[in-house]
């Protein structure tokens, strides 16, 4: 009995995502690219050229390989479109910034004139997570001063498209009232589901055809399967290492706390130990908020520190708000 290969229909898989957008000679890919770039980046795209259309099976094992789409328009502006099927954390935020800076620096050649040869970089990052402090579908960032004024001649614009928010919009306005861009984002998040198939929209037809064509190519299918397996294995390894690190930190913290009398000592003894551990963990942070807390707060902060919690959680435990 011949086993039927499972189709790849999740556009959050970055191999399928890149395949869908990479061909600047294909009217369907160009339609999707213009739909995304013009409506999200807000720039004109009378003509587009994809700078990195290749999908190389040999690179799928590279955990650091970014399967982005780099596009330039007639004015030389660069749009980098990327799919991230992962959560937002400090590592991700910093990677996005470093990659944006790299795209800017790569334009500069020795002897070039900065003014005439450096073009604006737009990063369009589709990510399967929400910024819980800023619940929106599309979030745009540029360099600005403390008064909120954008830096003159800014060269990098970073835009996050938070995929889960499209399902919130579906409840608010109904799928049938989505425009073409919202429909595309919905498919990126949910795939070609029964609800979307009821709509008679150009973007639905294009993305359904792209998924069907992709699954006719066994090499691309294998790339997508392997890419997904490698990412899952990496995430499992990272979780295991984090859990092991937390357990090790817990044991060390408990031993040190017992030695210094955290559980049995005075309030001031608890404060001094928490202060010592906090300064060791966050050497650049101010420590004034750790004065005059309750015994319960010191114990809570101690637990957070050995769990390697964020500064925000520690501030919350101290009942203070940091601007």
Protein backbone atom coordinates (compact mmCIF):
# COMPACT_ATOMS: atom_id res chain seq x y z
CA UNK A 1 0.00 0.00 0.00
CA UNK A 2 1.41 3.39 -1.03
CA UNK A 3 1.23 5.98 1.73
CA UNK A 4 -0.05 9.33 0.57
CA UNK A 5 2.25 12.23 1.38
CA UNK A 6 0.80 14.76 3.77
CA UNK A 7 0.32 18.17 2.18
CA UNK A 8 2.04 21.25 3.54
CA UNK A 9 -0.71 23.86 3.88
CA UNK A 10 0.63 25.99 6.74
CA UNK A 11 1.99 29.25 5.31
CA UNK A 12 3.81 29.84 8.62
CA UNK A 13 6.27 27.24 7.34
CA UNK A 14 8.90 29.58 5.92
CA UNK A 15 9.68 27.29 2.96
CA UNK A 16 6.07 27.51 1.71
CA UNK A 17 6.02 31.22 2.59
CA UNK A 18 9.10 31.95 0.51
CA UNK A 19 7.90 29.79 -2.38
CA UNK A 20 4.65 31.77 -2.47
CA UNK A 21 6.36 35.17 -2.83
CA UNK A 22 9.75 34.55 -4.43
CA UNK A 23 9.04 34.63 -8.21
CA UNK A 24 9.05 38.18 -9.58
CA UNK A 25 8.26 36.79 -13.05
CA UNK A 26 5.00 35.29 -11.82
CA UNK A 27 1.99 37.65 -11.84
CA UNK A 28 0.48 35.91 -8.79
CA UNK A 29 3.62 36.35 -6.68
CA UNK A 30 3.90 39.97 -7.81
CA UNK A 31 0.26 40.57 -6.88
CA UNK A 32 0.85 39.24 -3.35
CA UNK A 33 4.12 41.15 -2.92
CA UNK A 34 2.53 44.43 -4.01
CA UNK A 35 -0.49 43.78 -1.81
CA UNK A 36 1.75 43.27 1.21
CA UNK A 37 4.40 45.92 0.58
CA UNK A 38 2.21 48.76 -0.64
CA UNK A 39 -0.39 48.33 2.10
CA UNK A 40 1.96 47.59 5.01
CA UNK A 41 5.14 49.50 4.18
CA UNK A 42 3.18 52.24 2.43
CA UNK A 43 5.54 52.62 -0.53
CA UNK A 44 4.89 52.52 -4.27
CA UNK A 45 5.88 49.42 -6.20
CA UNK A 46 5.37 49.99 -9.90
CA UNK A 47 8.10 47.40 -10.44
CA UNK A 48 9.64 44.87 -8.08
CA UNK A 49 12.73 42.70 -8.18
CA UNK A 50 13.30 39.81 -5.78
CA UNK A 51 16.98 39.81 -4.78
CA UNK A 52 17.11 36.31 -3.26
CA UNK A 53 14.63 34.01 -5.05
CA UNK A 54 16.57 30.75 -4.57
CA UNK A 55 15.32 27.91 -2.38
CA UNK A 56 18.32 25.65 -1.81
CA UNK A 57 17.61 22.22 -0.24
CA UNK A 58 21.21 22.12 1.03
CA UNK A 59 20.52 25.07 3.32
CA UNK A 60 17.48 23.63 5.07
CA UNK A 61 19.64 22.04 7.80
CA UNK A 62 21.15 25.44 8.66
CA UNK A 63 19.33 26.54 11.83
CA UNK A 64 20.41 30.15 11.28
CA UNK A 65 19.26 30.30 7.66
CA UNK A 66 16.70 33.06 7.17
CA UNK A 67 14.19 32.24 4.43
CA UNK A 68 13.19 35.84 3.88
CA UNK A 69 12.18 37.63 0.69
CA UNK A 70 14.33 40.66 -0.15
CA UNK A 71 12.67 42.93 -2.67
CA UNK A 72 13.70 46.23 -4.22
CA UNK A 73 11.42 48.67 -6.02
CA UNK A 74 12.09 51.18 -8.78
CA UNK A 75 13.40 53.73 -6.26
CA UNK A 76 15.93 51.29 -4.80
CA UNK A 77 14.08 50.93 -1.48
CA UNK A 78 14.55 47.49 0.07
CA UNK A 79 11.73 45.50 1.65
CA UNK A 80 12.61 42.40 3.61
CA UNK A 81 9.58 40.17 4.17
CA UNK A 82 10.00 37.40 6.75
CA UNK A 83 7.81 34.76 8.38
CA UNK A 84 8.53 33.74 11.98
CA UNK A 85 6.56 30.80 13.36
CA UNK A 86 7.78 31.44 16.90
CA UNK A 87 7.18 33.55 19.98
CA UNK A 88 8.58 37.00 20.62
CA UNK A 89 11.38 37.15 23.16
CA UNK A 90 14.47 39.22 23.78
CA UNK A 91 16.57 37.11 21.41
CA UNK A 92 14.07 37.58 18.57
CA UNK A 93 13.71 41.33 19.05
CA UNK A 94 17.47 41.76 19.02
CA UNK A 95 17.94 39.49 16.00
CA UNK A 96 15.45 41.52 14.00
CA UNK A 97 17.33 44.72 14.82
CA UNK A 98 20.72 43.22 13.96
CA UNK A 99 19.42 41.83 10.68
CA UNK A 100 17.91 45.19 9.73
CA UNK A 101 21.21 46.91 10.40
CA UNK A 102 22.99 44.30 8.30
CA UNK A 103 20.66 44.94 5.35
CA UNK A 104 21.57 48.61 5.62
CA UNK A 105 25.32 48.08 5.93
CA UNK A 106 25.42 45.59 3.05
CA UNK A 107 24.43 48.38 0.67
CA UNK A 108 27.60 50.36 1.44
CA UNK A 109 30.61 49.63 -0.75
CA UNK A 110 34.04 51.14 -0.23
CA UNK A 111 34.20 54.57 -1.89
CA UNK A 112 30.42 54.85 -2.31
CA UNK A 113 28.57 58.06 -1.59
CA UNK A 114 26.32 57.51 1.45
CA UNK A 115 23.60 59.86 0.22
CA UNK A 116 23.12 58.47 -3.27
CA UNK A 117 23.77 54.77 -2.71
CA UNK A 118 22.07 53.94 0.59
CA UNK A 119 18.35 53.20 0.39
CA UNK A 120 15.69 52.86 3.05
CA UNK A 121 15.20 49.37 4.50
CA UNK A 122 11.71 48.18 5.43
CA UNK A 123 11.45 45.01 7.51
CA UNK A 124 8.04 43.33 7.33
CA UNK A 125 7.98 40.61 9.98
CA UNK A 126 5.01 38.24 10.09
CA UNK A 127 5.14 36.57 13.49
CA UNK A 128 2.86 34.06 15.22
CA UNK A 129 2.70 35.94 18.50
CA UNK A 130 1.23 39.06 20.08
CA UNK A 131 2.79 42.00 21.87
CA UNK A 132 0.47 41.86 24.88
CA UNK A 133 1.31 45.47 25.77
CA UNK A 134 0.29 46.69 22.32
CA UNK A 135 -2.58 44.69 20.85
CA UNK A 136 -2.71 45.61 17.17
CA UNK A 137 -2.48 43.79 13.86
CA UNK A 138 0.30 45.91 12.35
CA UNK A 139 2.89 47.69 14.48
CA UNK A 140 5.39 50.12 12.93
CA UNK A 141 8.70 51.22 14.51
CA UNK A 142 11.13 53.95 13.47
CA UNK A 143 13.95 55.79 15.22
CA UNK A 144 12.66 58.76 17.24
CA UNK A 145 13.61 61.06 20.11
CA UNK A 146 12.11 61.29 23.61
CA UNK A 147 9.47 63.73 22.36
CA UNK A 148 8.24 61.21 19.81
CA UNK A 149 9.66 63.04 16.80
CA UNK A 150 10.93 60.73 14.08
CA UNK A 151 14.63 61.00 13.32
CA UNK A 152 15.23 62.94 10.11
CA UNK A 153 16.28 60.83 7.14
CA UNK A 154 15.60 57.64 9.08
CA UNK A 155 16.84 54.60 7.14
CA UNK A 156 15.18 51.63 8.86
CA UNK A 157 11.48 50.98 9.39
CA UNK A 158 10.58 47.78 11.20
CA UNK A 159 6.99 46.55 10.99
CA UNK A 160 5.53 43.62 12.90
CA UNK A 161 2.42 41.85 11.65
CA UNK A 162 1.03 39.92 14.62
CA UNK A 163 -0.75 36.94 13.07
CA UNK A 164 -2.94 35.90 16.05
CA UNK A 165 -4.61 39.32 16.03
CA UNK A 166 -6.30 38.53 12.70
CA UNK A 167 -8.55 36.05 14.53
CA UNK A 168 -9.57 38.82 16.92
CA UNK A 169 -10.50 40.95 13.90
CA UNK A 170 -12.50 38.06 12.49
CA UNK A 171 -14.71 38.10 15.59
CA UNK A 172 -15.04 41.88 15.48
CA UNK A 173 -15.85 42.49 11.81
CA UNK A 174 -16.47 39.10 10.21
CA UNK A 175 -14.35 37.29 7.65
CA UNK A 176 -16.62 38.33 4.81
CA UNK A 177 -15.77 41.99 5.49
CA UNK A 178 -12.00 41.50 5.29
CA UNK A 179 -10.13 43.35 2.57
CA UNK A 180 -7.57 41.55 0.40
CA UNK A 181 -4.65 42.22 2.78
CA UNK A 182 -6.55 41.06 5.86
CA UNK A 183 -7.61 37.96 3.94
CA UNK A 184 -3.98 37.19 3.04
CA UNK A 185 -2.92 37.63 6.67
CA UNK A 186 -5.76 35.34 7.77
CA UNK A 187 -4.48 32.64 5.38
CA UNK A 188 -0.91 33.11 6.63
CA UNK A 189 -2.21 32.41 10.12
CA UNK A 190 -4.89 29.75 9.53
CA UNK A 191 -4.19 28.29 6.09
CA UNK A 192 -6.87 27.60 3.49
CA UNK A 193 -9.69 26.59 5.83
CA UNK A 194 -13.37 25.99 5.15
CA UNK A 195 -14.35 29.53 6.13
CA UNK A 196 -11.89 31.16 3.74
CA UNK A 197 -12.88 28.87 0.86
CA UNK A 198 -16.37 30.39 0.92
CA UNK A 199 -14.98 33.79 -0.08
CA UNK A 200 -14.66 34.74 -3.71
CA UNK A 201 -11.46 36.75 -3.50
CA UNK A 202 -8.47 36.90 -5.80
CA UNK A 203 -6.02 36.43 -2.94
CA UNK A 204 -7.76 33.19 -1.88
CA UNK A 205 -7.51 31.72 -5.38
CA UNK A 206 -3.84 32.69 -5.69
CA UNK A 207 -2.77 31.28 -2.33
CA UNK A 208 -4.74 28.07 -2.83
CA UNK A 209 -3.02 27.57 -6.18
CA UNK A 210 0.39 28.34 -4.67
CA UNK A 211 -0.14 25.69 -1.97
CA UNK A 212 -1.28 23.13 -4.56
CA UNK A 213 1.70 23.80 -6.84
CA UNK A 214 4.09 23.64 -3.90
CA UNK A 215 2.81 20.22 -2.90
CA UNK A 216 3.37 18.88 -6.40
CA UNK A 217 7.12 19.30 -5.83
CA UNK A 218 8.47 16.53 -3.59
CA UNK A 219 11.81 18.31 -3.07
CA UNK A 220 10.06 21.40 -1.74
CA UNK A 221 7.80 19.24 0.41
CA UNK A 222 10.82 17.50 1.92
CA UNK A 223 12.45 20.86 2.57
CA UNK A 224 9.37 22.07 4.40
CA UNK A 225 9.04 18.87 6.45
CA UNK A 226 12.73 18.89 7.41
CA UNK A 227 12.69 22.59 8.20
CA UNK A 228 9.74 22.09 10.52
CA UNK A 229 11.32 19.06 12.22
CA UNK A 230 14.61 20.90 12.74
CA UNK A 231 12.85 23.88 14.28
CA UNK A 232 10.83 21.67 16.61
CA UNK A 233 13.97 19.81 17.69
CA UNK A 234 15.80 23.07 18.32
CA UNK A 235 12.90 24.50 20.35
CA UNK A 236 12.69 21.30 22.42
CA UNK A 237 16.44 21.43 23.07
CA UNK A 238 16.29 25.09 24.10
CA UNK A 239 13.37 24.37 26.46
CA UNK A 240 15.26 21.48 28.02
CA UNK A 241 18.35 23.65 28.51
CA UNK A 242 16.25 26.43 30.05
CA UNK A 243 14.54 23.96 32.40
CA UNK A 244 17.88 22.48 33.40
CA UNK A 245 19.29 25.97 33.97
CA UNK A 246 16.31 26.91 36.14
CA UNK A 247 16.70 23.77 38.23
CA UNK A 248 20.41 24.40 38.68
CA UNK A 249 19.74 28.03 39.59
CA UNK A 250 17.03 26.97 42.02
CA UNK A 251 19.35 24.59 43.87
CA UNK A 252 22.18 27.13 43.98
CA UNK A 253 19.82 29.88 45.14
CA UNK A 254 18.29 27.74 47.84
CA UNK A 255 21.70 26.70 49.11
CA UNK A 256 22.94 30.29 49.14
CA UNK A 257 19.71 31.53 50.69
CA UNK A 258 19.92 28.96 53.47
CA UNK A 259 23.56 29.83 54.08
CA UNK A 260 22.73 33.51 54.44
CA UNK A 261 19.56 32.89 56.38
CA UNK A 262 17.01 34.01 53.82
CA UNK A 263 14.30 31.69 55.04
CA UNK A 264 15.00 32.16 58.72
CA UNK A 265 16.81 35.49 58.99
CA UNK A 266 15.56 38.98 59.69
CA UNK A 267 13.84 41.21 57.17
CA UNK A 268 17.08 43.15 56.71
CA UNK A 269 19.02 39.95 56.16
CA UNK A 270 16.55 38.95 53.48
CA UNK A 271 16.84 42.40 51.88
CA UNK A 272 20.63 42.24 51.82
CA UNK A 273 20.66 38.84 50.17
CA UNK A 274 18.04 39.77 47.57
CA UNK A 275 19.98 42.96 46.85
CA UNK A 276 23.17 40.95 46.37
CA UNK A 277 21.51 38.43 44.07
CA UNK A 278 19.68 41.16 42.12
CA UNK A 279 22.88 43.15 41.56
CA UNK A 280 24.64 40.03 40.35
CA UNK A 281 21.81 39.19 37.94
CA UNK A 282 21.08 42.73 36.70
CA UNK A 283 24.30 44.73 37.26
CA UNK A 284 23.07 47.76 35.29
CA UNK A 285 19.69 48.13 36.99
CA UNK A 286 18.87 50.54 39.80
CA UNK A 287 18.31 48.97 43.21
CA UNK A 288 16.46 51.68 45.15
CA UNK A 289 13.11 49.95 44.69
CA UNK A 290 14.35 47.04 46.83
CA UNK A 291 14.32 49.14 50.01
CA UNK A 292 11.53 48.90 52.60
CA UNK A 293 9.69 45.93 51.09
CA UNK A 294 7.79 43.36 53.09
CA UNK A 295 9.23 39.98 54.02
CA UNK A 296 6.80 38.37 51.58
CA UNK A 297 7.98 40.62 48.75
CA UNK A 298 11.65 39.81 49.40
CA UNK A 299 10.86 36.11 49.35
CA UNK A 300 8.84 36.48 46.14
CA UNK A 301 11.64 38.44 44.45
CA UNK A 302 14.14 35.82 45.62
CA UNK A 303 12.08 33.11 43.90
CA UNK A 304 11.86 35.20 40.70
CA UNK A 305 15.59 35.80 40.65
CA UNK A 306 16.54 32.15 40.88
CA UNK A 307 13.99 31.43 38.14
CA UNK A 308 15.73 34.05 35.98
CA UNK A 309 12.53 36.06 35.64
CA UNK A 310 12.39 39.33 33.72
CA UNK A 311 12.91 42.73 35.32
CA UNK A 312 9.25 43.54 34.66
CA UNK A 313 8.09 40.62 36.83
CA UNK A 314 10.50 41.63 39.59
CA UNK A 315 9.22 45.23 39.48
CA UNK A 316 5.66 43.91 39.68
CA UNK A 317 6.53 41.88 42.77
CA UNK A 318 7.89 45.04 44.36
CA UNK A 319 4.67 46.92 43.47
CA UNK A 320 6.55 49.57 41.49
CA UNK A 321 6.19 50.85 37.94
CA UNK A 322 9.31 51.57 35.92
CA UNK A 323 9.05 54.07 33.08
